Amino acid sequence: MGVSLTFTDEQFTLAPLFMDFLYRHFVAGFGEQRWHDQLSEGLTQDENVQRTAVEQAENMMRDPRAQKAVLRSYELLSAFLTGDPEQLKPFHYRYNFLCVVGAPRHGGSYLTKQLFRALGFEAGRVPNAIAHDGFPDATPFDFDKGYSAYTRMMHNMAEYLCMVELFFANSRAFDSMIPVPKKATKAAYQGGFFDRVLGPNAEYIITLRHPVPAAISTYEKSGGLPDGGRFAVRGNIESWVKRDNICAGVPENRVEQMGYFEAYLNYWEHYHYNLLLTGLRVNPKWQVVAYGKERIESMAAGFYRRFGSTLGPDDFKVFDQRARHPDWMRQAEPVVRRVSDVWRQAGVDFPFDAIMEAW
């Protein structure tokens, strides 16, 4: 018995970020990007992307270059859906993906910027979808009417790979491969997928930070600690905190009744279990760096040496937040120790002492 399955672009709609990228790549150019600004990095999505994509979609679909790119993205999506790894081999042989993976506010944007600078890119002209962690989307599994987290992840990844081919088309190769930096926070949730898709030459730079200063940095970028110290969702990171608490078994109606740090710490702990246990660690090319001025800048300096750049790393700004929430510090220590123990039981070093410096 033969069965024919047919899907349409209504079921697999093009991502607004992908359409916006095509418009700017082929027509308008990339304006100043802010993803790399360590101090003013925004935590909410740019609403202009959605509007631009809708406004330009019809025009772009009449452009033969955009048509070719869209068809290429669907070709790659088909390879993911049907299990055709041969379609990925050109990416494995041509590109050296350099993925910076860690929870938000852990130094990943800074290191991603330094990778691009070391390769001769002006970071402000590198589009968000190429550099930053919002795309491709990857989450714990979710399933609803018209939505599957897995198919969305595969479609986003197909579009991202298509964008890589376009953006890095004329980039310089090192040791016969083109380096492709990427902040990949969400790779922690579906590590096996990222590892198989990006291939054996991909490298992973893992950023680790104490949860107290990371939580402070998160709430400061979201408008301050909410009234009464209770958790609230005001931006992307806090929405991920809520989602991951729910996935960890916290009832949805309780999450926003939790203390801010209680919710954040639960998110932080489970993020680092995901980072270790979802398949990313299969790739042996891991480098772990603990948050701190000297350690992060030393890692960045290595990028410039590796790629023969005459530049040096930007100043990495670090602030001492350790005295602001002593109760949070006490609450965090057994959790950090528990994560460290799990990593070590899995044979992976966790720099406990460096993390406990709490920068």
Protein backbone atom coordinates (compact mmCIF):
# COMPACT_ATOMS: atom_id res chain seq x y z
CA MET A 1 0.00 0.00 0.00
CA GLY A 2 1.35 3.40 -0.98
CA VAL A 3 0.55 6.50 1.04
CA SER A 4 1.18 10.02 -0.18
CA LEU A 5 1.59 12.80 2.36
CA THR A 6 1.17 16.41 1.25
CA PHE A 7 1.99 19.50 3.29
CA THR A 8 1.54 23.12 2.28
CA ASP A 9 3.18 26.39 3.22
CA GLU A 10 0.14 27.09 5.36
CA GLN A 11 1.20 24.28 7.66
CA PHE A 12 4.89 25.20 7.42
CA THR A 13 4.77 28.98 7.26
CA LEU A 14 7.98 30.94 6.74
CA ALA A 15 9.37 32.56 9.87
CA PRO A 16 9.13 36.37 9.96
CA LEU A 17 12.84 36.54 10.86
CA PHE A 18 13.67 34.56 7.74
CA MET A 19 11.60 36.80 5.47
CA ASP A 20 13.05 39.90 7.13
CA PHE A 21 16.54 38.52 6.57
CA LEU A 22 15.87 37.89 2.86
CA TYR A 23 14.47 41.40 2.43
CA ARG A 24 17.48 43.02 4.07
CA HIS A 25 20.02 40.71 2.44
CA PHE A 26 18.74 41.22 -1.11
CA VAL A 27 17.17 44.69 -0.94
CA ALA A 28 17.47 46.99 2.04
CA GLY A 29 20.73 46.08 3.76
CA PHE A 30 21.25 45.43 7.45
CA GLY A 31 20.97 48.46 9.67
CA GLU A 32 22.71 48.84 13.01
CA GLN A 33 22.16 45.75 15.14
CA ARG A 34 22.15 45.87 18.96
CA TRP A 35 22.35 42.22 19.92
CA HIS A 36 26.02 42.56 20.87
CA ASP A 37 25.74 45.48 23.33
CA GLN A 38 26.61 43.96 26.69
CA LEU A 39 24.93 46.67 28.77
CA SER A 40 21.89 47.64 26.71
CA GLU A 41 21.09 44.32 25.05
CA GLY A 42 17.32 44.12 24.79
CA LEU A 43 15.36 41.18 26.11
CA THR A 44 12.25 41.46 23.93
CA GLN A 45 11.83 40.68 20.26
CA ASP A 46 11.87 43.50 17.75
CA GLU A 47 8.24 44.08 16.76
CA ASN A 48 9.43 45.75 13.56
CA VAL A 49 10.59 42.35 12.27
CA GLN A 50 7.04 40.99 12.16
CA ARG A 51 5.72 44.13 10.50
CA THR A 52 8.51 44.28 7.92
CA ALA A 53 8.09 40.62 7.06
CA VAL A 54 4.37 41.00 6.45
CA GLU A 55 4.82 44.18 4.42
CA GLN A 56 7.59 42.77 2.23
CA ALA A 57 6.52 39.14 1.86
CA GLU A 58 4.57 39.59 -1.35
CA ASN A 59 7.33 41.65 -3.00
CA MET A 60 10.04 39.24 -1.92
CA MET A 61 8.20 36.23 -3.29
CA ARG A 62 8.36 37.84 -6.74
CA ASP A 63 12.16 38.11 -6.44
CA PRO A 64 13.85 35.05 -8.05
CA ARG A 65 16.68 35.20 -5.50
CA ALA A 66 14.26 35.03 -2.59
CA GLN A 67 12.26 32.30 -4.32
CA LYS A 68 15.40 30.21 -4.63
CA ALA A 69 16.23 30.73 -0.96
CA VAL A 70 12.73 29.77 0.15
CA LEU A 71 12.80 26.61 -1.95
CA ARG A 72 16.19 25.78 -0.49
CA SER A 73 14.79 26.11 3.04
CA TYR A 74 11.94 23.73 2.22
CA GLU A 75 14.40 21.29 0.68
CA LEU A 76 16.35 21.22 3.95
CA LEU A 77 13.15 20.93 5.98
CA SER A 78 12.20 17.88 3.91
CA ALA A 79 15.60 16.35 4.70
CA PHE A 80 14.92 16.78 8.43
CA LEU A 81 11.41 15.37 8.23
CA THR A 82 12.36 12.30 6.17
CA GLY A 83 15.79 11.58 7.62
CA ASP A 84 18.16 12.44 4.76
CA PRO A 85 21.55 13.22 6.37
CA GLU A 86 23.26 13.40 2.96
CA GLN A 87 21.65 16.83 2.52
CA LEU A 88 23.62 18.10 5.54
CA LYS A 89 27.07 16.94 4.47
CA PRO A 90 27.86 20.14 2.51
CA PHE A 91 27.38 22.08 5.74
CA HIS A 92 29.59 19.69 7.69
CA TYR A 93 32.42 19.96 5.16
CA ARG A 94 32.16 23.69 4.44
CA TYR A 95 31.33 25.34 7.78
CA ASN A 96 32.91 25.31 11.22
CA PHE A 97 30.05 26.33 13.52
CA LEU A 98 31.33 28.05 16.67
CA CYS A 99 28.44 27.93 19.11
CA VAL A 100 28.41 29.88 22.35
CA VAL A 101 25.98 28.07 24.64
CA GLY A 102 24.86 29.16 28.08
CA ALA A 103 21.89 30.59 29.92
CA PRO A 104 21.05 34.25 29.19
CA ARG A 105 23.17 36.93 30.90
CA HIS A 106 26.10 34.51 31.14
CA GLY A 107 28.55 36.33 28.83
CA GLY A 108 27.47 34.69 25.59
CA SER A 109 26.71 37.87 23.64
CA TYR A 110 30.13 39.30 24.45
CA LEU A 111 31.96 36.17 23.30
CA THR A 112 29.85 35.91 20.15
CA LYS A 113 30.72 39.51 19.30
CA GLN A 114 34.42 38.82 19.83
CA LEU A 115 34.26 35.84 17.47
CA PHE A 116 32.78 38.00 14.73
CA ARG A 117 35.32 40.79 15.34
CA ALA A 118 38.20 38.32 15.26
CA LEU A 119 36.92 37.14 11.87
CA GLY A 120 36.82 40.69 10.49
CA PHE A 121 33.08 41.34 10.77
CA GLU A 122 31.61 44.57 12.07
CA ALA A 123 29.31 43.15 14.73
CA GLY A 124 26.79 45.94 14.29
CA ARG A 125 26.18 44.77 10.72
CA VAL A 126 25.67 41.11 11.56
CA PRO A 127 21.92 40.40 11.65
CA ASN A 128 20.32 39.17 14.83
CA ALA A 129 19.08 35.95 13.24
CA ILE A 130 22.62 35.02 12.19
CA ALA A 131 24.36 35.88 15.44
CA HIS A 132 22.01 35.74 18.37
CA ASP A 133 20.01 33.14 20.27
CA GLY A 134 16.42 33.84 19.27
CA PHE A 135 16.72 31.83 16.05
CA PRO A 136 16.47 28.95 15.39
CA ASP A 137 13.96 28.28 18.11
CA ALA A 138 14.40 25.17 20.27
CA THR A 139 12.43 24.44 23.41
CA PRO A 140 11.27 21.62 25.60
CA PHE A 141 8.61 19.71 23.70
CA ASP A 142 5.25 21.41 23.31
CA PHE A 143 2.30 20.52 21.15
CA ASP A 144 -0.89 22.43 20.43
CA LYS A 145 -3.31 23.14 17.60
CA GLY A 146 -1.25 24.15 14.56
CA TYR A 147 2.01 23.95 16.52
CA SER A 148 4.66 21.34 17.26
CA ALA A 149 7.88 22.38 18.95
CA TYR A 150 9.82 19.77 17.00
CA THR A 151 8.64 20.69 13.52
CA ARG A 152 9.05 24.39 14.29
CA MET A 153 12.63 23.74 15.42
CA MET A 154 13.38 21.79 12.25
CA HIS A 155 11.84 24.46 10.01
CA ASN A 156 13.71 27.26 11.81
CA MET A 157 16.97 25.32 11.50
CA ALA A 158 16.39 24.80 7.77
CA GLU A 159 15.87 28.56 7.37
CA TYR A 160 18.92 29.34 9.50
CA LEU A 161 21.15 27.08 7.38
CA CYS A 162 19.82 28.79 4.26
CA MET A 163 20.72 32.17 5.78
CA VAL A 164 24.21 30.88 6.60
CA GLU A 165 24.76 29.94 2.97
CA LEU A 166 23.76 33.44 1.88
CA PHE A 167 25.46 35.53 4.57
CA PHE A 168 28.79 33.66 4.62
CA ALA A 169 28.94 33.05 0.84
CA ASN A 170 32.13 35.08 0.38
CA SER A 171 33.69 34.60 3.81
CA ARG A 172 37.28 33.57 4.30
CA ALA A 173 38.03 29.94 5.08
CA PHE A 174 40.44 28.83 7.80
CA ASP A 175 41.87 25.33 7.42
CA SER A 176 39.50 24.87 4.46
CA MET A 177 36.38 25.67 6.51
CA ILE A 178 34.38 28.87 7.01
CA PRO A 179 33.91 29.75 10.69
CA VAL A 180 30.29 30.54 11.60
CA PRO A 181 29.84 32.06 15.09
CA LYS A 182 26.46 31.59 16.75
CA LYS A 183 25.08 32.32 20.18
CA ALA A 184 23.02 29.18 20.74
CA THR A 185 21.40 29.40 24.16
CA LYS A 186 18.54 27.17 23.06
CA ALA A 187 20.81 24.33 21.92
CA ALA A 188 20.74 23.15 25.53
CA TYR A 189 17.15 21.97 25.10
CA GLN A 190 17.71 19.82 22.00
CA GLY A 191 21.44 19.16 22.08
CA GLY A 192 21.35 15.98 20.03
CA PHE A 193 19.57 17.73 17.18
CA PHE A 194 22.07 20.61 17.11
CA ASP A 195 25.00 18.22 17.32
CA ARG A 196 23.84 16.07 14.39
CA VAL A 197 22.76 19.00 12.22
CA LEU A 198 25.81 21.23 12.74
CA GLY A 199 28.14 18.28 12.37
CA PRO A 200 31.34 16.87 13.84
CA ASN A 201 33.38 20.02 13.17
CA ALA A 202 31.12 22.21 15.29
CA GLU A 203 32.63 23.59 18.48
CA TYR A 204 30.82 24.54 21.67
CA ILE A 205 31.91 27.25 24.09
CA ILE A 206 29.95 26.76 27.31
CA THR A 207 29.48 29.84 29.51
CA LEU A 208 28.68 29.32 33.20
CA ARG A 209 27.71 31.94 35.79
CA HIS A 210 26.49 31.99 39.37
CA PRO A 211 22.67 32.24 39.45
CA VAL A 212 22.46 35.25 41.80
CA PRO A 213 24.23 37.86 39.60
CA ALA A 214 22.58 36.28 36.54
CA ALA A 215 19.14 36.76 38.13
CA ILE A 216 20.00 40.34 39.10
CA SER A 217 21.12 41.09 35.55
CA THR A 218 17.89 39.59 34.22
CA TYR A 219 15.55 41.61 36.41
CA GLU A 220 17.54 44.82 35.84
CA LYS A 221 17.09 44.43 32.08
CA SER A 222 13.38 43.76 32.62
CA GLY A 223 12.56 46.88 34.63
CA GLY A 224 13.79 46.01 38.11
CA LEU A 225 12.82 43.53 40.79
CA PRO A 226 9.01 43.20 40.74
CA ASP A 227 6.97 44.52 43.65
CA GLY A 228 7.15 42.27 46.67
CA GLY A 229 9.99 40.29 45.12
CA ARG A 230 7.51 38.06 43.32
CA PHE A 231 8.24 36.57 39.94
CA ALA A 232 6.71 38.27 36.89
CA VAL A 233 7.03 37.86 33.13
CA ARG A 234 8.05 41.05 31.33
CA GLY A 235 10.39 39.85 28.62
CA ASN A 236 11.75 36.86 26.76
CA ILE A 237 14.04 35.50 29.46
CA GLU A 238 11.36 35.64 32.13
CA SER A 239 8.95 33.87 29.77
CA TRP A 240 11.55 31.09 29.40
CA VAL A 241 11.89 30.95 33.20
CA LYS A 242 8.15 30.45 33.52
CA ARG A 243 8.00 27.83 30.76
CA ASP A 244 10.90 25.82 32.19
CA ASN A 245 9.40 25.87 35.68
CA ILE A 246 6.20 24.46 34.24
CA CYS A 247 8.18 21.78 32.37
CA ALA A 248 9.89 20.94 35.67
CA GLY A 249 6.51 20.25 37.26
CA VAL A 250 5.56 23.57 38.86
CA PRO A 251 1.83 24.25 38.31
CA GLU A 252 1.35 27.21 35.99
CA ASN A 253 -0.83 29.11 38.46
CA ARG A 254 1.92 28.86 41.07
CA VAL A 255 4.86 30.13 39.02
CA GLU A 256 3.96 33.81 39.33
CA GLN A 257 3.28 33.34 43.04
CA MET A 258 6.88 32.22 43.55
CA GLY A 259 9.62 34.48 44.77
CA TYR A 260 11.64 35.93 41.90
CA PHE A 261 14.81 34.09 42.78
CA GLU A 262 13.03 30.84 43.63
CA ALA A 263 11.64 30.75 40.09
CA TYR A 264 14.92 31.85 38.51
CA LEU A 265 17.01 29.35 40.50
CA ASN A 266 14.76 26.47 39.48
CA TYR A 267 15.13 27.55 35.84
CA TRP A 268 18.92 27.88 36.21
CA GLU A 269 19.28 24.41 37.72
CA HIS A 270 17.22 22.63 35.07
CA TYR A 271 18.85 24.58 32.23
CA HIS A 272 22.23 23.18 33.27
CA TYR A 273 20.87 19.63 33.48
CA ASN A 274 19.52 20.06 29.95
CA LEU A 275 22.84 21.45 28.78
CA LEU A 276 24.59 18.32 30.02
CA LEU A 277 22.06 15.61 29.26
CA THR A 278 20.20 16.30 25.98
CA GLY A 279 22.98 15.15 23.64
CA LEU A 280 25.21 18.18 23.05
CA ARG A 281 27.99 16.63 25.11
CA VAL A 282 28.38 13.86 22.50
CA ASN A 283 30.58 16.34 20.65
CA PRO A 284 34.02 16.33 22.34
CA LYS A 285 34.81 19.89 21.23
CA TRP A 286 33.60 21.54 24.43
CA GLN A 287 35.29 24.46 26.15
CA VAL A 288 33.86 25.63 29.48
CA VAL A 289 34.47 29.15 30.75
CA ALA A 290 33.27 30.52 34.08
CA TYR A 291 32.03 34.12 34.17
CA GLY A 292 34.70 36.59 35.28
CA LYS A 293 36.61 39.42 33.63
CA GLU A 294 39.98 37.71 33.26
CA ARG A 295 38.56 34.34 32.22
CA ILE A 296 36.15 35.71 29.64
CA GLU A 297 38.68 38.17 28.17
CA SER A 298 41.31 35.42 28.02
CA MET A 299 38.90 33.22 26.08
CA ALA A 300 38.19 36.12 23.71
CA ALA A 301 41.89 36.87 23.22
CA GLY A 302 42.33 33.30 22.03
CA PHE A 303 39.85 33.95 19.22
CA TYR A 304 41.97 36.81 17.87
CA ARG A 305 45.14 34.73 17.99
CA ARG A 306 43.44 31.78 16.33
CA PHE A 307 42.19 33.79 13.37
CA GLY A 308 45.27 35.98 12.98
CA SER A 309 43.55 39.24 13.84
CA THR A 310 45.59 42.29 14.82
CA LEU A 311 42.73 43.46 17.03
CA GLY A 312 42.24 42.57 20.67
CA PRO A 313 39.18 41.86 22.78
CA ASP A 314 36.82 44.56 23.92
CA ASP A 315 36.65 45.36 27.61
CA PHE A 316 34.35 42.90 29.40
CA LYS A 317 32.36 44.78 32.00
CA VAL A 318 31.87 42.99 35.29
CA PHE A 319 30.03 44.34 38.33
CA ASP A 320 30.19 43.07 41.90
CA GLN A 321 26.63 42.15 42.89
CA ARG A 322 27.49 39.74 45.70
CA ALA A 323 26.30 41.87 48.62
CA ARG A 324 22.89 42.76 47.22
CA HIS A 325 20.97 39.60 48.10
CA PRO A 326 22.76 37.64 50.85
CA ASP A 327 19.67 35.47 51.34
CA TRP A 328 19.79 34.53 47.65
CA MET A 329 23.46 33.63 47.98
CA ARG A 330 22.67 31.19 50.78
CA GLN A 331 19.76 29.76 48.81
CA ALA A 332 21.91 29.25 45.70
CA GLU A 333 24.90 27.40 47.12
CA PRO A 334 23.32 23.93 47.57
CA VAL A 335 21.78 24.17 44.08
CA VAL A 336 25.11 25.10 42.44
CA ARG A 337 26.74 22.25 44.35
CA ARG A 338 24.03 19.82 43.20
CA VAL A 339 24.52 20.81 39.55
CA SER A 340 28.28 20.45 39.98
CA ASP A 341 27.86 16.96 41.42
CA VAL A 342 25.63 15.84 38.53
CA TRP A 343 28.11 17.14 35.96
CA ARG A 344 31.01 15.39 37.66
CA GLN A 345 29.08 12.13 37.94
CA ALA A 346 28.65 12.36 34.16
CA GLY A 347 32.40 12.83 33.77
CA VAL A 348 32.26 16.54 32.91
CA ASP A 349 34.18 19.10 34.93
CA PHE A 350 32.14 21.89 36.49
CA PRO A 351 34.27 24.84 37.74
CA PHE A 352 32.50 25.08 41.11
CA ASP A 353 35.03 27.34 42.85
CA ALA A 354 35.14 29.80 39.95
CA ILE A 355 31.32 29.89 39.76
CA MET A 356 31.08 30.52 43.50
CA GLU A 357 33.07 33.72 43.07
CA ALA A 358 29.65 34.96 41.91
CA TRP A 359 30.63 37.59 39.35
